[in-house]
Amino acid sequence: MKAIVNVFLKNGVLDSQGKAVQHALSGHGFGTVSDVRVGKQIIIEMDESNVESAKAKVAQMCEDLLANTVIEDYAIEIQA
């Protein structure tokens, strides 16, 4: 089973990397881009047969290690 975790800054948290990318895109002629948010994606292969159990384990991984839940949110997708 594969778990795909997307980690991104919470709304209201300044994303300086996103602002830098937005500025660079504008400089390359993409002036219609109004906002950019940069995050990270973590792909986890696991030996798990139950989707709900896998999702619960990955959520615990996010809470414990993969995301700084003070400033970051995360989304989990499980591919069976």
Protein backbone atom coordinates (compact mmCIF):
# COMPACT_ATOMS: atom_id res chain seq x y z
CA MET A 1 0.00 0.00 0.00
CA LYS A 2 1.19 3.51 -0.75
CA ALA A 3 0.49 6.61 1.31
CA ILE A 4 0.95 10.05 -0.20
CA VAL A 5 1.26 12.85 2.34
CA ASN A 6 1.12 16.50 1.29
CA VAL A 7 2.37 18.93 3.93
CA PHE A 8 1.74 22.65 3.52
CA LEU A 9 1.77 25.80 5.61
CA LYS A 10 -1.47 26.75 7.31
CA ASN A 11 -3.41 29.69 5.92
CA GLY A 12 -2.14 32.88 7.51
CA VAL A 13 1.44 31.60 7.87
CA LEU A 14 3.81 33.60 5.66
CA ASP A 15 5.20 31.41 2.88
CA SER A 16 8.39 33.24 1.95
CA GLN A 17 9.44 30.49 -0.48
CA GLY A 18 6.05 30.72 -2.19
CA LYS A 19 6.40 34.51 -2.47
CA ALA A 20 9.87 34.09 -4.02
CA VAL A 21 8.48 31.64 -6.59
CA GLN A 22 5.57 33.98 -7.34
CA HIS A 23 8.01 36.86 -7.89
CA ALA A 24 10.19 34.70 -10.16
CA LEU A 25 7.17 33.59 -12.19
CA SER A 26 6.10 37.20 -12.60
CA GLY A 27 9.59 38.02 -13.84
CA HIS A 28 9.25 35.25 -16.43
CA GLY A 29 6.06 36.72 -17.85
CA PHE A 30 3.51 34.87 -15.71
CA GLY A 31 2.07 38.01 -14.16
CA THR A 32 -1.41 36.52 -13.78
CA VAL A 33 -0.21 34.26 -10.93
CA SER A 34 -1.71 35.83 -7.82
CA ASP A 35 -0.37 33.47 -5.13
CA VAL A 36 1.99 30.51 -4.73
CA ARG A 37 2.24 28.16 -1.76
CA VAL A 38 5.15 25.72 -1.54
CA GLY A 39 4.88 22.49 0.42
CA LYS A 40 6.36 19.03 0.45
CA GLN A 41 5.17 15.60 -0.58
CA ILE A 42 6.17 12.41 1.23
CA ILE A 43 5.47 9.01 -0.33
CA ILE A 44 5.42 6.05 2.04
CA GLU A 45 5.29 2.39 0.98
CA MET A 46 3.84 0.22 3.73
CA ASP A 47 2.93 -3.40 4.31
CA GLU A 48 -0.64 -2.81 5.37
CA SER A 49 -3.84 -4.43 4.09
CA ASN A 50 -6.46 -2.22 5.77
CA VAL A 51 -6.93 1.28 4.32
CA GLU A 52 -8.33 2.80 7.52
CA SER A 53 -5.52 1.32 9.62
CA ALA A 54 -2.92 2.60 7.15
CA LYS A 55 -4.45 6.08 7.19
CA ALA A 56 -4.47 6.13 11.00
CA LYS A 57 -0.82 5.07 11.15
CA VAL A 58 0.22 7.70 8.62
CA ALA A 59 -1.74 10.36 10.50
CA GLN A 60 0.19 9.43 13.64
CA MET A 61 3.45 9.68 11.66
CA CYS A 62 2.44 13.18 10.58
CA GLU A 63 1.56 14.24 14.11
CA ASP A 64 4.78 12.79 15.55
CA LEU A 65 7.37 13.58 12.88
CA LEU A 66 6.38 14.54 9.35
CA ALA A 67 4.56 17.83 9.96
CA ASN A 68 5.03 20.71 12.35
CA THR A 69 1.37 20.91 13.26
CA VAL A 70 1.79 24.34 14.85
CA ILE A 71 2.30 25.92 11.42
CA GLU A 72 1.57 23.11 8.94
CA ASP A 73 -1.44 21.12 7.81
CA TYR A 74 -1.32 17.82 5.96
CA ALA A 75 -3.46 15.72 3.66
CA ILE A 76 -3.20 11.95 3.34
CA GLU A 77 -4.10 9.85 0.30
CA ILE A 78 -3.95 6.06 0.53
CA GLN A 79 -3.49 4.04 -2.66
CA ALA A 80 -4.31 0.37 -2.20
